[in-house]
Structure formats: C-alpha cells, structure tokens
Amino acid sequence: MNWAKGLNNLIAFATSVICAVMALTHPDKTYTLVTALTTLFTILYLHFCVKVEWLGKASLVYIVLMLGFFPVNGVLTGTGLDSPIVNYNPKSFLGIRMFSIPIEDAVYSYTQFMLNIYFFLLFKKQHLGKNEKENLEVRDRSKVVLVDLNDRAIGEMEKMEAHLSGKLHRAFSVFVLNSKDEMLLQQRAQGKYHGGGLWTNACCSHPQLGEDLLESAKERLLYEMGLECKLKKLFNFTYNTPVDNGLIEHEYDHVFLGCSDSTPSPNPGEVQNYTWVPISKLQEDILAYPERYTYWFRFALPSVLDMLQNKAYTARST
C-alpha cells in the first residue's frame, strides 16, 4: 500500500468520525449538521464509489493550508481578546469555541475543496479531454521508426508499408493493473487495420521518430483508454508473425506497466469494449481460446507475470 492510498484511508476514516461526532452533538444547528453530513457523504463517495487516486494528496495539501488557518480563525473568534473582532458566542464560551469554530469551518471548506477538484477533473475529462484527444489524433501514428536488432533507428516508413513488407520497427505495449490485481484488457475496434475484435493489453502503438517512449506510451494510453497513470518500463522483446489482411507484425516492442483504479473512457475509433480480468481467469481463457487474443499480448504476458511474481516490479510501485 503506497502512502497516497494509506492517506486516503486515514483521511476518509478521520473525517467521517469528525463529521459523525459533529452531526450527533449539533443536531439543533442546521448549518453545522448540513456541513457535517455534506462532508461525510462527499468523502465516502469520493473514496469508496469514485475511488479517486488524488484524494490523499489533495487532503495533505489542504491540511498544510489549514495549519495557518486554525490559529488565525481562533483569534478572530475572540479568544484571548478583550474586544473580539468576531464574537460568535458569549465570552464564557470563547475558550471552547476557539477550537470548535475553526474545526467546523475547516470541515465546511474541506467539502468545497474536494468538490471543486472533483468537478474540475470531471469537466476536464468530459470536455477538455475531447480536445486533447483530437490534438493527439492530429499527430497520430501514421509512420513507424525502422530499427535494427539493437533498437537503433535506421529510418522511417509509412505504417502500412512497413506492415506489408514486414520491416522491423519500434513499438510499445502498455499493461495496466488495478488494486485488485485485475488486468485491463481492450477489445480492438473492428475497423482497425488488423486484429479487429481481438482482445489485448491496455494499449499498443508506434512512437514517432524523436519521440520519448515513455511520454508516447502515456499519450497513447490517454488517447485510446482515457486513462492517465504512471508507467514503468519492464522489458523489451522482438517478434515476427503474420497477421490478418496480408500484413506482418515485426516489432521491437517496449513493454510498460501501470496501475490505476480509474474507470476507462475508451476511444470508440480504437476500442469497442474493455474489461478488468483476474489474472488467473485470464490465463485460463488464453489457454482455452488463444484465437481471441492478439499475438503480441499472448507472447508478452508470461514475462510480465513472471516479473510481477518475482516482485522485481509491482504495479503499486509505479
């Protein structure tokens, strides 16, 4: 369990307890009750339903900001002053209210903080993400980088020409797991130039000449599956096999691994379906029905699983 996920659990639990206490001890105060319940349901929804990965990090930033807010808010409520700037309560209660008012205000602002981030990211994904995908499509993978057996670039060629002639070219394959150790699979769109309808790993493509491999892989994962996550290079391999439509796949393939609990938003031009599959079930299905899966996926999967089992890499460490 990484620190962000651990902080997610801690923040969700601690905030839920605080809100529950506030709601129970202030049933007669509508403002406090509504604030507590709103925050409680916001945290529970973001943590357990949406399973946001940024909750722990955002909460940490908020807590740091609140370190300055608490003493200032406490002073403004009037504690320790003969003439308080803002006197919410009789003077005899100011000692207690120095702590309770900042906590109530902090919980209220925390709700707004979380909801603002959530709706901003939701808006970005639904609206700005479309433009981002269009931009990626403009610089789409129309060519491939020809390489030698040591992955040294020796030229460029149109993608279809390279697949017709079987020239060795550079590629990448991205594998994604979630926190349940399920693997993300995509079903290639029927309109793909080959392998339409087959199941494969999260995404695959061809970097263009001069592109950074890691950034290219991240870009393509966003374009095809609507996912953003950290990726780690695992290994590379070469393969040469005929595929449908009279084409040949001859690739120097770089394999990356990522981890995400986010819900994919696939590009229908690239992906017709997706699923999260337990690894054991996936292995059984590939053995029973290998024709349902792409060649490169079946070829690379055993090495990916070996590295995970040997703990050389873990999806959680990406």
Protein backbone atom coordinates (compact mmCIF):
# COMPACT_ATOMS: atom_id res chain seq x y z
CA MET A 1 0.00 0.00 0.00
CA ASN A 2 1.56 3.31 -1.07
CA TRP A 3 1.43 6.46 1.02
CA ALA A 4 -1.32 8.11 -1.03
CA LYS A 5 -3.64 5.14 -0.67
CA GLY A 6 -2.85 4.91 3.05
CA LEU A 7 -3.57 8.63 3.44
CA ASN A 8 -6.82 8.14 1.52
CA ASN A 9 -7.94 5.58 4.11
CA LEU A 10 -6.82 7.72 7.05
CA ILE A 11 -8.48 10.90 5.76
CA ALA A 12 -11.72 9.12 4.92
CA PHE A 13 -11.86 7.47 8.34
CA ALA A 14 -10.83 10.52 10.40
CA THR A 15 -13.10 12.93 8.55
CA SER A 16 -16.01 10.53 8.79
CA VAL A 17 -15.54 10.25 12.57
CA ILE A 18 -15.30 14.05 12.99
CA CYS A 19 -18.41 14.60 10.87
CA ALA A 20 -20.35 11.92 12.71
CA VAL A 21 -19.45 13.49 16.07
CA MET A 22 -20.38 16.97 14.82
CA ALA A 23 -23.71 15.72 13.50
CA LEU A 24 -24.53 13.91 16.76
CA THR A 25 -23.51 16.78 19.05
CA HIS A 26 -25.11 19.58 16.99
CA PRO A 27 -28.49 18.20 15.84
CA ASP A 28 -30.12 21.56 16.60
CA LYS A 29 -27.73 23.62 14.45
CA THR A 30 -28.76 23.31 10.81
CA TYR A 31 -25.56 24.90 9.47
CA THR A 32 -23.27 22.53 11.37
CA LEU A 33 -25.44 19.49 10.69
CA VAL A 34 -25.65 20.12 6.93
CA THR A 35 -21.92 20.85 6.75
CA ALA A 36 -21.02 17.65 8.59
CA LEU A 37 -23.34 15.44 6.55
CA THR A 38 -22.28 17.00 3.24
CA THR A 39 -18.63 16.45 4.04
CA LEU A 40 -19.27 12.91 5.25
CA PHE A 41 -21.08 11.86 2.08
CA THR A 42 -18.56 13.69 -0.12
CA ILE A 43 -15.63 11.82 1.38
CA LEU A 44 -17.40 8.46 1.35
CA TYR A 45 -18.47 8.96 -2.26
CA LEU A 46 -15.05 10.05 -3.50
CA HIS A 47 -13.21 7.38 -1.55
CA PHE A 48 -15.39 4.30 -1.97
CA CYS A 49 -17.51 4.98 -5.08
CA VAL A 50 -15.32 7.04 -7.40
CA LYS A 51 -12.10 5.66 -5.85
CA VAL A 52 -10.17 8.80 -6.70
CA GLU A 53 -6.40 8.45 -6.61
CA TRP A 54 -5.75 12.11 -5.79
CA LEU A 55 -7.80 12.24 -2.57
CA GLY A 56 -4.88 11.58 -0.21
CA LYS A 57 -2.54 14.06 -1.93
CA ALA A 58 -5.21 16.76 -2.12
CA SER A 59 -6.05 16.22 1.55
CA LEU A 60 -2.40 16.59 2.51
CA VAL A 61 -2.21 19.95 0.70
CA TYR A 62 -5.38 21.04 2.44
CA ILE A 63 -4.09 20.06 5.88
CA VAL A 64 -0.92 22.11 5.34
CA LEU A 65 -3.03 25.13 4.41
CA MET A 66 -5.18 24.64 7.50
CA LEU A 67 -2.12 24.84 9.78
CA GLY A 68 -2.19 28.57 9.14
CA PHE A 69 -5.97 28.86 9.16
CA PHE A 70 -6.60 27.42 12.62
CA PRO A 71 -4.75 29.96 14.80
CA VAL A 72 -5.98 32.91 12.73
CA ASN A 73 -9.56 31.71 12.84
CA GLY A 74 -9.26 31.04 16.57
CA VAL A 75 -8.06 34.58 17.24
CA LEU A 76 -10.80 36.10 15.09
CA THR A 77 -13.45 34.31 17.13
CA GLY A 78 -12.36 36.43 20.05
CA THR A 79 -10.42 34.09 22.31
CA GLY A 80 -7.83 35.98 24.33
CA LEU A 81 -9.04 39.40 23.19
CA ASP A 82 -10.87 41.96 25.29
CA SER A 83 -12.68 43.19 22.20
CA PRO A 84 -13.02 40.25 19.80
CA ILE A 85 -13.11 41.00 16.09
CA VAL A 86 -15.85 38.43 15.53
CA ASN A 87 -17.73 37.42 18.67
CA TYR A 88 -19.89 34.42 17.83
CA ASN A 89 -20.62 33.46 21.42
CA PRO A 90 -20.81 34.76 24.97
CA LYS A 91 -17.39 35.42 26.47
CA SER A 92 -17.66 32.42 28.80
CA PHE A 93 -17.72 30.05 25.80
CA LEU A 94 -14.85 31.56 23.85
CA GLY A 95 -12.25 29.15 25.27
CA ILE A 96 -14.12 26.18 23.80
CA ARG A 97 -15.17 27.93 20.62
CA MET A 98 -11.55 28.78 19.82
CA PHE A 99 -11.23 25.15 18.77
CA SER A 100 -14.74 24.19 17.70
CA ILE A 101 -15.38 27.06 15.27
CA PRO A 102 -12.16 26.53 13.28
CA ILE A 103 -12.92 22.79 13.06
CA GLU A 104 -16.44 23.42 11.78
CA ASP A 105 -15.20 25.98 9.25
CA ALA A 106 -12.37 23.70 8.19
CA VAL A 107 -14.74 20.81 7.58
CA TYR A 108 -17.01 23.07 5.54
CA SER A 109 -14.15 24.41 3.40
CA TYR A 110 -12.76 20.88 3.01
CA THR A 111 -16.03 19.84 1.40
CA GLN A 112 -15.81 22.74 -1.03
CA PHE A 113 -12.14 21.99 -1.71
CA MET A 114 -12.83 18.34 -2.58
CA LEU A 115 -15.93 19.05 -4.64
CA ASN A 116 -14.17 21.79 -6.61
CA ILE A 117 -11.34 19.43 -7.54
CA TYR A 118 -13.72 16.60 -8.36
CA PHE A 119 -15.96 18.65 -10.64
CA PHE A 120 -12.97 20.32 -12.30
CA LEU A 121 -11.46 16.93 -13.17
CA LEU A 122 -14.86 15.64 -14.28
CA PHE A 123 -15.29 18.67 -16.54
CA LYS A 124 -11.78 18.27 -17.89
CA LYS A 125 -12.36 14.60 -18.67
CA GLN A 126 -15.72 15.14 -20.38
CA HIS A 127 -14.98 18.36 -22.26
CA LEU A 128 -11.33 19.34 -22.38
CA GLY A 129 -10.37 15.68 -22.79
CA LYS A 130 -12.15 15.62 -26.14
CA ASN A 131 -9.96 18.42 -27.46
CA GLU A 132 -6.90 16.73 -26.04
CA LYS A 133 -7.76 13.52 -27.88
CA GLU A 134 -8.29 15.50 -31.07
CA ASN A 135 -4.84 17.03 -30.68
CA LEU A 136 -3.34 13.60 -30.19
CA GLU A 137 -5.12 12.40 -33.32
CA VAL A 138 -3.56 15.22 -35.37
CA ARG A 139 -0.12 13.85 -34.57
CA ASP A 140 -1.31 10.24 -34.79
CA ARG A 141 0.97 7.34 -35.61
CA SER A 142 0.99 7.46 -39.41
CA LYS A 143 4.61 6.36 -39.67
CA VAL A 144 6.85 3.88 -37.88
CA VAL A 145 10.51 4.06 -36.88
CA LEU A 146 12.58 1.34 -38.54
CA VAL A 147 15.21 -0.11 -36.20
CA ASP A 148 17.98 -2.69 -36.14
CA LEU A 149 18.15 -5.59 -33.68
CA ASN A 150 19.59 -3.23 -31.03
CA ASP A 151 16.69 -0.76 -31.42
CA ARG A 152 18.85 1.80 -33.17
CA ALA A 153 16.75 3.94 -35.52
CA ILE A 154 17.71 3.46 -39.17
CA GLY A 155 14.85 5.27 -40.88
CA GLU A 156 11.13 5.92 -41.19
CA MET A 157 8.40 4.25 -43.22
CA GLU A 158 4.66 4.58 -43.69
CA LYS A 159 2.91 2.29 -41.22
CA MET A 160 1.02 0.23 -43.79
CA GLU A 161 4.10 -0.16 -45.99
CA ALA A 162 6.13 -1.44 -43.05
CA HIS A 163 3.45 -3.97 -42.16
CA LEU A 164 3.14 -5.15 -45.75
CA SER A 165 6.89 -5.64 -46.12
CA GLY A 166 7.49 -6.96 -42.60
CA LYS A 167 10.20 -4.42 -41.71
CA LEU A 168 11.38 -4.39 -38.09
CA HIS A 169 10.04 -1.28 -36.39
CA ARG A 170 9.71 0.21 -32.90
CA ALA A 171 6.54 -0.24 -30.84
CA PHE A 172 5.31 -0.18 -27.27
CA SER A 173 2.73 -2.15 -25.28
CA VAL A 174 1.13 -0.88 -22.06
CA PHE A 175 -0.18 -3.24 -19.38
CA VAL A 176 -2.39 -1.83 -16.60
CA LEU A 177 -3.43 -3.48 -13.32
CA ASN A 178 -5.80 -2.22 -10.63
CA SER A 179 -5.55 -2.57 -6.85
CA LYS A 180 -7.40 -5.91 -7.05
CA ASP A 181 -4.63 -7.25 -9.32
CA GLU A 182 -7.03 -7.39 -12.23
CA MET A 183 -5.63 -6.66 -15.68
CA LEU A 184 -7.20 -4.13 -18.02
CA LEU A 185 -7.96 -5.52 -21.47
CA GLN A 186 -9.28 -3.72 -24.51
CA GLN A 187 -11.12 -5.25 -27.45
CA ARG A 188 -9.74 -3.72 -30.62
CA ALA A 189 -12.27 -1.87 -32.77
CA GLN A 190 -13.50 -3.77 -35.81
CA GLY A 191 -12.21 -1.02 -38.10
CA LYS A 192 -8.55 -1.47 -37.09
CA TYR A 193 -6.16 -2.27 -39.94
CA HIS A 194 -5.61 -5.70 -38.39
CA GLY A 195 -6.70 -7.60 -35.28
CA GLY A 196 -10.18 -6.05 -35.21
CA GLY A 197 -12.30 -7.61 -32.46
CA LEU A 198 -9.36 -9.28 -30.70
CA TRP A 199 -8.63 -8.75 -27.02
CA THR A 200 -5.28 -7.32 -25.99
CA ASN A 201 -3.48 -5.29 -23.31
CA ALA A 202 -4.49 -1.75 -22.33
CA CYS A 203 -2.94 -0.13 -25.41
CA CYS A 204 -0.27 -0.56 -28.08
CA SER A 205 1.13 1.75 -30.72
CA HIS A 206 4.19 3.06 -32.55
CA PRO A 207 6.26 6.02 -31.32
CA GLN A 208 7.25 8.54 -33.97
CA LEU A 209 10.83 9.45 -34.76
CA GLY A 210 12.35 11.57 -31.98
CA GLU A 211 9.52 10.91 -29.52
CA ASP A 212 10.27 9.87 -25.95
CA LEU A 213 9.00 6.31 -25.50
CA LEU A 214 7.52 6.82 -22.04
CA GLU A 215 5.72 10.04 -22.96
CA SER A 216 4.47 8.45 -26.17
CA ALA A 217 3.07 5.48 -24.21
CA LYS A 218 1.31 7.79 -21.72
CA GLU A 219 -0.13 9.84 -24.55
CA ARG A 220 -1.50 6.79 -26.33
CA LEU A 221 -3.00 5.35 -23.14
CA LEU A 222 -4.90 8.61 -22.68
CA TYR A 223 -5.96 8.66 -26.33
CA GLU A 224 -7.18 5.07 -26.53
CA MET A 225 -8.46 4.42 -22.99
CA GLY A 226 -8.90 7.87 -21.43
CA LEU A 227 -6.55 6.87 -18.61
CA GLU A 228 -3.65 8.73 -17.03
CA CYS A 229 -1.28 6.89 -14.71
CA LYS A 230 2.40 6.49 -14.01
CA LEU A 231 4.14 3.92 -16.19
CA LYS A 232 7.30 1.92 -15.60
CA LYS A 233 9.39 0.21 -18.27
CA LEU A 234 9.53 -3.56 -17.76
CA PHE A 235 11.40 -5.07 -20.68
CA ASN A 236 11.51 -5.25 -24.47
CA PHE A 237 11.20 -8.10 -26.94
CA THR A 238 11.04 -8.71 -30.67
CA TYR A 239 8.58 -10.84 -32.57
CA ASN A 240 7.75 -11.54 -36.20
CA THR A 241 4.41 -13.04 -37.17
CA PRO A 242 1.86 -12.83 -39.99
CA VAL A 243 -1.48 -11.29 -39.05
CA ASP A 244 -4.74 -10.83 -40.93
CA ASN A 245 -5.28 -8.74 -44.06
CA GLY A 246 -2.00 -9.94 -45.53
CA LEU A 247 0.09 -7.95 -43.04
CA ILE A 248 3.16 -8.84 -40.98
CA GLU A 249 3.91 -7.67 -37.45
CA HIS A 250 7.67 -7.44 -36.96
CA GLU A 251 8.26 -5.27 -33.92
CA TYR A 252 10.86 -4.28 -31.37
CA ASP A 253 8.31 -3.91 -28.58
CA HIS A 254 8.88 -1.94 -25.35
CA VAL A 255 6.61 -3.09 -22.51
CA PHE A 256 5.34 -0.69 -19.82
CA LEU A 257 3.34 -1.33 -16.66
CA GLY A 258 0.94 0.97 -14.84
CA CYS A 259 -1.62 0.82 -12.03
CA SER A 260 -4.99 2.56 -11.95
CA ASP A 261 -8.38 2.18 -10.31
CA SER A 262 -9.91 4.82 -12.57
CA THR A 263 -12.74 4.00 -14.93
CA PRO A 264 -11.55 3.89 -18.56
CA SER A 265 -13.18 6.12 -21.16
CA PRO A 266 -12.27 4.31 -24.39
CA ASN A 267 -12.00 5.95 -27.80
CA PRO A 268 -14.61 4.17 -29.95
CA GLY A 269 -12.42 4.57 -33.03
CA GLU A 270 -9.78 2.41 -31.36
CA VAL A 271 -11.61 0.31 -28.76
CA GLN A 272 -15.02 -1.36 -28.94
CA ASN A 273 -15.02 -2.78 -25.42
CA TYR A 274 -12.90 -3.20 -22.30
CA THR A 275 -12.86 -5.32 -19.16
CA TRP A 276 -10.90 -5.90 -15.95
CA VAL A 277 -9.98 -9.57 -15.63
CA PRO A 278 -8.42 -11.52 -12.71
CA ILE A 279 -5.05 -12.82 -13.87
CA SER A 280 -5.84 -16.47 -13.14
CA LYS A 281 -9.04 -16.30 -15.18
CA LEU A 282 -7.17 -14.54 -18.00
CA GLN A 283 -4.54 -17.27 -18.16
CA GLU A 284 -7.22 -19.97 -18.30
CA ASP A 285 -9.09 -18.20 -21.07
CA ILE A 286 -5.95 -17.68 -23.18
CA LEU A 287 -5.14 -21.38 -22.91
CA ALA A 288 -8.67 -22.34 -23.92
CA TYR A 289 -9.25 -19.68 -26.59
CA PRO A 290 -5.92 -18.24 -27.83
CA GLU A 291 -7.54 -17.07 -31.06
CA ARG A 292 -9.45 -14.42 -29.09
CA TYR A 293 -6.24 -12.55 -28.23
CA THR A 294 -3.54 -10.70 -30.16
CA TYR A 295 -0.26 -12.49 -30.75
CA TRP A 296 1.95 -9.88 -29.08
CA PHE A 297 -0.24 -9.88 -25.95
CA ARG A 298 -0.04 -13.68 -25.62
CA PHE A 299 3.71 -13.51 -26.26
CA ALA A 300 4.47 -10.78 -23.69
CA LEU A 301 2.04 -11.74 -20.91
CA PRO A 302 4.10 -14.62 -19.39
CA SER A 303 7.14 -12.35 -19.00
CA VAL A 304 5.02 -9.61 -17.42
CA LEU A 305 3.53 -12.07 -14.92
CA ASP A 306 6.96 -13.58 -14.15
CA MET A 307 8.31 -10.15 -13.25
CA LEU A 308 5.31 -9.42 -11.05
CA GLN A 309 5.53 -12.79 -9.28
CA ASN A 310 9.26 -12.38 -8.71
CA LYS A 311 8.49 -8.95 -7.23
CA ALA A 312 11.05 -7.36 -9.49
CA TYR A 313 8.31 -4.85 -10.27
CA THR A 314 4.95 -4.20 -8.74
CA ALA A 315 2.09 -2.22 -10.20
CA ARG A 316 1.77 -0.36 -6.91
CA SER A 317 5.32 0.98 -7.17
CA THR A 318 4.76 2.73 -10.48
